[in-house]
N, C-alpha and C. Protein backbone atom coordinates (compact mmCIF):
# COMPACT_ATOMS: atom_id res chain seq x y z
N MET A 1 129.37 87.46 43.08
CA MET A 1 128.77 87.22 44.38
C MET A 1 128.19 88.54 44.88
N THR A 2 127.06 88.45 45.52
CA THR A 2 126.43 89.66 46.05
C THR A 2 126.99 89.98 47.43
N ARG A 3 126.82 91.23 47.82
CA ARG A 3 127.24 91.67 49.15
C ARG A 3 126.54 90.85 50.22
N ALA A 4 125.25 90.61 50.04
CA ALA A 4 124.48 89.85 51.04
C ALA A 4 125.00 88.43 51.19
N LYS A 5 125.34 87.79 50.07
CA LYS A 5 125.85 86.41 50.13
C LYS A 5 127.20 86.37 50.84
N ALA A 6 128.08 87.32 50.53
CA ALA A 6 129.38 87.38 51.20
C ALA A 6 129.20 87.57 52.70
N ARG A 7 128.28 88.43 53.08
CA ARG A 7 128.00 88.66 54.51
C ARG A 7 127.46 87.40 55.18
N ARG A 8 126.58 86.67 54.49
CA ARG A 8 126.04 85.42 55.06
C ARG A 8 127.15 84.40 55.30
N ILE A 9 128.07 84.28 54.34
CA ILE A 9 129.17 83.32 54.48
C ILE A 9 130.06 83.70 55.66
N LEU A 10 130.41 84.99 55.75
CA LEU A 10 131.26 85.45 56.87
C LEU A 10 130.55 85.29 58.20
N GLN A 11 129.26 85.63 58.26
CA GLN A 11 128.50 85.51 59.51
C GLN A 11 128.40 84.05 59.94
N ALA A 12 128.14 83.15 58.99
CA ALA A 12 128.05 81.73 59.32
C ALA A 12 129.38 81.22 59.84
N SER A 13 130.46 81.71 59.27
CA SER A 13 131.79 81.30 59.73
C SER A 13 132.04 81.79 61.16
N ALA A 14 131.65 83.01 61.44
CA ALA A 14 131.90 83.60 62.76
C ALA A 14 131.05 82.97 63.85
N THR A 15 129.86 82.49 63.51
CA THR A 15 128.94 81.98 64.52
C THR A 15 128.76 80.47 64.45
N ALA A 16 129.65 79.78 63.74
CA ALA A 16 129.54 78.33 63.59
C ALA A 16 129.56 77.64 64.94
N GLU A 17 128.69 76.66 65.09
CA GLU A 17 128.64 75.90 66.35
C GLU A 17 129.91 75.08 66.54
N HIS A 18 130.49 74.66 65.44
CA HIS A 18 131.74 73.90 65.46
C HIS A 18 132.81 74.75 64.81
N ASP A 19 133.86 74.14 64.33
CA ASP A 19 134.95 74.87 63.71
C ASP A 19 134.48 75.66 62.50
N ALA A 20 135.06 76.82 62.33
CA ALA A 20 134.77 77.64 61.15
C ALA A 20 135.37 76.96 59.92
N PRO A 21 134.87 77.32 58.73
CA PRO A 21 135.46 76.76 57.51
C PRO A 21 136.96 77.06 57.43
N ILE A 22 137.68 76.17 56.81
CA ILE A 22 139.12 76.35 56.63
C ILE A 22 139.39 76.53 55.14
N TRP A 23 140.10 77.61 54.82
CA TRP A 23 140.48 77.85 53.44
C TRP A 23 141.99 77.78 53.37
N ASN A 24 142.48 76.96 52.47
CA ASN A 24 143.92 76.75 52.34
C ASN A 24 144.47 77.62 51.21
N ASP A 25 144.27 78.95 51.34
CA ASP A 25 144.70 79.85 50.27
C ASP A 25 145.36 81.12 50.81
N ASP A 26 145.92 81.02 52.01
CA ASP A 26 146.66 82.13 52.62
C ASP A 26 145.82 83.39 52.79
N GLY A 27 144.53 83.22 53.04
CA GLY A 27 143.66 84.36 53.33
C GLY A 27 142.99 85.00 52.12
N ARG A 28 143.23 84.47 50.93
CA ARG A 28 142.64 85.10 49.74
C ARG A 28 141.11 85.04 49.75
N THR A 29 140.54 83.93 50.15
CA THR A 29 139.08 83.81 50.19
C THR A 29 138.49 84.78 51.19
N LEU A 30 139.06 84.84 52.39
CA LEU A 30 138.54 85.78 53.40
C LEU A 30 138.70 87.22 52.96
N THR A 31 139.80 87.53 52.31
CA THR A 31 140.01 88.90 51.82
C THR A 31 138.94 89.25 50.79
N GLN A 32 138.69 88.35 49.86
CA GLN A 32 137.68 88.59 48.84
C GLN A 32 136.30 88.76 49.47
N LEU A 33 135.94 87.89 50.41
CA LEU A 33 134.65 88.00 51.08
C LEU A 33 134.51 89.30 51.85
N ALA A 34 135.56 89.71 52.55
CA ALA A 34 135.53 90.95 53.31
C ALA A 34 135.30 92.15 52.39
N HIS A 35 135.99 92.17 51.26
CA HIS A 35 135.82 93.28 50.32
C HIS A 35 134.42 93.27 49.71
N GLU A 36 133.93 92.09 49.36
CA GLU A 36 132.57 91.98 48.81
C GLU A 36 131.53 92.45 49.82
N ALA A 37 131.73 92.05 51.09
CA ALA A 37 130.76 92.39 52.14
C ALA A 37 130.88 93.83 52.59
N GLY A 38 132.05 94.44 52.39
CA GLY A 38 132.27 95.79 52.89
C GLY A 38 132.55 95.78 54.39
N TRP A 39 133.07 94.69 54.89
CA TRP A 39 133.31 94.52 56.32
C TRP A 39 134.80 94.46 56.63
N ARG A 40 135.12 94.77 57.88
CA ARG A 40 136.45 94.55 58.44
C ARG A 40 136.44 93.14 59.02
N VAL A 41 137.42 92.32 58.65
CA VAL A 41 137.47 90.94 59.11
C VAL A 41 138.82 90.68 59.75
N VAL A 42 138.78 90.10 60.95
CA VAL A 42 140.00 89.71 61.65
C VAL A 42 139.97 88.18 61.73
N TYR A 43 141.06 87.56 61.32
CA TYR A 43 141.12 86.10 61.35
C TYR A 43 142.52 85.64 61.73
N GLU A 44 142.60 84.38 62.10
CA GLU A 44 143.89 83.81 62.48
C GLU A 44 144.36 82.87 61.38
N CYS A 45 145.59 83.06 60.96
CA CYS A 45 146.21 82.21 59.94
C CYS A 45 147.22 81.31 60.66
N VAL A 46 147.14 80.01 60.42
CA VAL A 46 148.02 79.06 61.09
C VAL A 46 148.81 78.26 60.06
N ASP A 47 150.12 78.25 60.22
CA ASP A 47 150.99 77.42 59.39
C ASP A 47 150.98 76.03 60.03
N LEU A 48 150.39 75.07 59.36
CA LEU A 48 150.22 73.73 59.95
C LEU A 48 151.51 72.94 60.05
N ARG A 49 152.56 73.39 59.37
CA ARG A 49 153.85 72.71 59.50
C ARG A 49 154.56 73.12 60.78
N THR A 50 154.44 74.40 61.14
CA THR A 50 155.17 74.93 62.30
C THR A 50 154.24 75.30 63.46
N TRP A 51 152.95 75.31 63.22
CA TRP A 51 151.93 75.74 64.19
C TRP A 51 152.08 77.21 64.57
N LYS A 52 152.77 77.97 63.73
CA LYS A 52 152.89 79.41 63.96
C LYS A 52 151.57 80.07 63.61
N LYS A 53 151.06 80.89 64.54
CA LYS A 53 149.79 81.58 64.34
C LYS A 53 150.03 83.06 64.10
N GLU A 54 149.23 83.61 63.20
CA GLU A 54 149.35 85.03 62.88
C GLU A 54 147.94 85.62 62.79
N LEU A 55 147.69 86.68 63.53
CA LEU A 55 146.40 87.37 63.48
C LEU A 55 146.45 88.37 62.33
N ARG A 56 145.47 88.30 61.44
CA ARG A 56 145.44 89.18 60.27
C ARG A 56 144.13 89.96 60.24
N THR A 57 144.18 91.14 59.65
CA THR A 57 143.00 91.98 59.51
C THR A 57 142.85 92.40 58.06
N VAL A 58 141.62 92.32 57.57
CA VAL A 58 141.29 92.81 56.24
C VAL A 58 140.33 93.97 56.42
N GLU A 59 140.65 95.11 55.85
CA GLU A 59 139.79 96.29 55.92
C GLU A 59 139.10 96.48 54.58
N ALA A 60 137.80 96.71 54.58
CA ALA A 60 137.11 97.08 53.35
C ALA A 60 137.56 98.49 53.00
N THR A 61 137.87 98.72 51.76
CA THR A 61 138.33 100.04 51.34
C THR A 61 137.16 100.87 50.82
N GLU A 62 137.38 102.16 50.63
CA GLU A 62 136.32 103.02 50.13
C GLU A 62 135.77 102.52 48.80
N ARG A 63 136.64 101.98 47.97
CA ARG A 63 136.18 101.51 46.67
C ARG A 63 135.24 100.32 46.80
N ASP A 64 135.28 99.64 47.96
CA ASP A 64 134.42 98.48 48.17
C ASP A 64 133.03 98.86 48.65
N VAL A 65 132.87 100.08 49.17
CA VAL A 65 131.59 100.49 49.74
C VAL A 65 130.79 101.18 48.65
N PHE A 66 129.62 100.64 48.40
CA PHE A 66 128.78 101.18 47.32
C PHE A 66 127.77 102.16 47.85
């Protein structure tokens, strides 16, 4: 995946008119997209069994910035 494509997916998710996409993989997709894009991403993870919410942050590392 290209950096531009990862950025488009993240931007579309952030600015969606309705609910953002839901990934049922404990943040792995968002982490991968953030690293590909070279962006810092903050998202909320919700356990649907308990409704416990957790705010998570993914930081792009130096190795991710080209």
